[in-house]
Amino acid sequence: MEIAELGRRLRARRTAEGRTIASVAADAGLSVPYIANLENGRGNPTLAAVTGLAAALGAELRVELREESLPAPPLPDSLVRFARSPRFTAERLPDRERVLTAMAALGALADRPLTDLDWHRILDTVVLLTR
């Protein structure tokens, strides 16, 4: 993420909470000018500073180092049909597209085409893991 985008997100989070830069600075252990510069897209924040800001704003900080991701392979027809079933559509899932991609990856481990019963079992596992 670019520093300008980080600054926009910090300011949006802070103002949404009705907080001043000074109150966030005190909670994060940083100076007011430091945070003002970040919010204006300037500076080079350390991971410790961003961690402190996230905690002060009650936000989750995620740091990822990853290779370029390859496009997800197409979903098997049986999974596409299952995704339209009442069972799948009734589940409260955090991110349906991501769940389907994960289910397809698990299904790819099988040495045979999967049935609806197989997809039900995989969905049960996903539901248990995401709750």
Protein backbone atom coordinates (compact mmCIF):
# COMPACT_ATOMS: atom_id res chain seq x y z
CA MET A 1 0.00 0.00 0.00
CA GLU A 2 1.26 3.44 -0.84
CA ILE A 3 1.78 6.00 1.91
CA ALA A 4 -0.98 8.24 0.45
CA GLU A 5 -3.49 5.38 0.70
CA LEU A 6 -2.36 4.60 4.25
CA GLY A 7 -2.81 8.26 5.14
CA ARG A 8 -6.34 8.35 3.69
CA ARG A 9 -7.30 5.24 5.62
CA LEU A 10 -5.85 6.53 8.87
CA ARG A 11 -7.65 9.87 8.56
CA ALA A 12 -10.94 8.19 7.58
CA ARG A 13 -10.77 5.83 10.55
CA ARG A 14 -9.81 8.60 12.97
CA THR A 15 -12.51 11.00 11.82
CA ALA A 16 -15.14 8.25 11.73
CA GLU A 17 -14.42 7.72 15.42
CA GLY A 18 -14.60 11.48 16.05
CA ARG A 19 -11.05 11.57 17.37
CA THR A 20 -8.38 14.22 17.15
CA ILE A 21 -4.86 13.62 15.92
CA ALA A 22 -3.66 14.46 19.43
CA SER A 23 -5.77 11.75 21.09
CA VAL A 24 -4.64 9.13 18.57
CA ALA A 25 -1.02 10.27 18.96
CA ALA A 26 -1.22 9.87 22.73
CA ASP A 27 -2.71 6.38 22.47
CA ALA A 28 -0.21 5.30 19.80
CA GLY A 29 2.83 6.82 21.51
CA LEU A 30 3.60 8.99 18.49
CA SER A 31 3.86 12.73 17.89
CA VAL A 32 1.08 14.85 16.41
CA PRO A 33 3.29 16.06 13.50
CA TYR A 34 4.27 12.45 12.71
CA ILE A 35 0.62 11.38 12.36
CA ALA A 36 -0.33 14.57 10.49
CA ASN A 37 2.44 13.88 7.98
CA LEU A 38 1.25 10.29 7.52
CA GLU A 39 -2.34 11.41 7.01
CA ASN A 40 -1.10 13.85 4.37
CA GLY A 41 0.73 11.11 2.50
CA ARG A 42 4.21 12.03 3.68
CA GLY A 43 6.76 10.14 5.71
CA ASN A 44 8.07 6.64 5.92
CA PRO A 45 6.33 4.91 8.82
CA THR A 46 7.88 2.02 10.65
CA LEU A 47 5.98 -1.18 11.22
CA ALA A 48 5.99 -0.37 14.94
CA ALA A 49 4.37 3.03 14.26
CA VAL A 50 1.66 1.54 12.05
CA THR A 51 1.05 -1.20 14.62
CA GLY A 52 0.63 1.44 17.32
CA LEU A 53 -1.74 3.45 15.13
CA ALA A 54 -3.84 0.37 14.34
CA ALA A 55 -4.13 -0.45 18.05
CA ALA A 56 -4.99 3.16 18.92
CA LEU A 57 -7.72 3.17 16.29
CA GLY A 58 -9.05 -0.29 17.16
CA ALA A 59 -8.17 -1.57 13.71
CA GLU A 60 -6.70 -4.86 12.56
CA LEU A 61 -3.29 -4.61 10.93
CA ARG A 62 -2.40 -7.17 8.29
CA VAL A 63 1.06 -7.47 6.81
CA GLU A 64 1.58 -9.82 3.90
CA LEU A 65 4.59 -10.75 1.86
CA ARG A 66 3.43 -12.77 -1.07
CA GLU A 67 4.27 -13.58 -4.61
CA GLU A 68 1.96 -12.46 -7.35
CA SER A 69 -1.06 -14.66 -7.08
CA LEU A 70 -2.11 -16.70 -10.04
CA PRO A 71 -5.70 -16.45 -11.17
CA ALA A 72 -7.91 -19.00 -9.48
CA PRO A 73 -8.69 -22.01 -11.64
CA PRO A 74 -12.29 -22.33 -12.82
CA LEU A 75 -14.68 -23.93 -10.36
CA PRO A 76 -15.80 -27.49 -11.14
CA ASP A 77 -19.34 -27.66 -12.54
CA SER A 78 -20.47 -29.73 -9.56
CA LEU A 79 -19.29 -26.99 -7.18
CA VAL A 80 -20.99 -24.28 -9.24
CA ARG A 81 -24.25 -26.22 -8.96
CA PHE A 82 -23.70 -26.75 -5.23
CA ALA A 83 -23.06 -23.02 -4.76
CA ARG A 84 -26.61 -22.37 -6.01
CA SER A 85 -28.13 -24.86 -3.56
CA PRO A 86 -30.23 -23.76 -0.59
CA ARG A 87 -27.62 -25.19 1.79
CA PHE A 88 -24.80 -23.04 0.42
CA THR A 89 -26.83 -19.88 -0.02
CA ALA A 90 -28.26 -20.16 3.52
CA GLU A 91 -24.83 -20.22 5.19
CA ARG A 92 -23.46 -16.98 6.62
CA LEU A 93 -20.03 -16.99 5.04
CA PRO A 94 -17.39 -14.26 5.38
CA ASP A 95 -16.48 -14.12 1.68
CA ARG A 96 -18.35 -16.49 -0.64
CA GLU A 97 -15.89 -16.14 -3.52
CA ARG A 98 -12.95 -16.97 -1.27
CA VAL A 99 -14.86 -19.90 0.26
CA LEU A 100 -15.63 -21.31 -3.19
CA THR A 101 -11.99 -20.97 -4.22
CA ALA A 102 -10.89 -22.78 -1.05
CA MET A 103 -13.48 -25.50 -1.57
CA ALA A 104 -12.31 -25.98 -5.15
CA ALA A 105 -8.71 -26.28 -3.94
CA LEU A 106 -9.72 -28.94 -1.42
CA GLY A 107 -11.75 -30.73 -4.07
CA ALA A 108 -8.73 -30.78 -6.36
CA LEU A 109 -7.02 -33.08 -3.87
CA ALA A 110 -9.50 -35.83 -4.67
CA ASP A 111 -8.71 -38.33 -7.38
CA ARG A 112 -12.31 -38.38 -8.58
CA PRO A 113 -15.09 -35.93 -9.39
CA LEU A 114 -16.85 -34.77 -6.23
CA THR A 115 -20.53 -35.25 -5.49
CA ASP A 116 -22.96 -32.99 -3.66
CA LEU A 117 -22.34 -35.02 -0.51
CA ASP A 118 -18.60 -34.33 -0.82
CA TRP A 119 -19.26 -30.59 -1.22
CA HIS A 120 -21.54 -30.68 1.85
CA ARG A 121 -18.71 -32.24 3.87
CA ILE A 122 -16.20 -29.67 2.65
CA LEU A 123 -18.63 -26.84 3.42
CA ASP A 124 -19.13 -28.26 6.92
CA THR A 125 -15.37 -28.06 7.43
CA VAL A 126 -15.23 -24.47 6.14
CA VAL A 127 -18.10 -23.44 8.39
CA LEU A 128 -16.38 -24.97 11.43
CA LEU A 129 -13.11 -23.20 10.60
CA THR A 130 -14.67 -19.79 10.09
CA ARG A 131 -16.77 -19.67 13.24
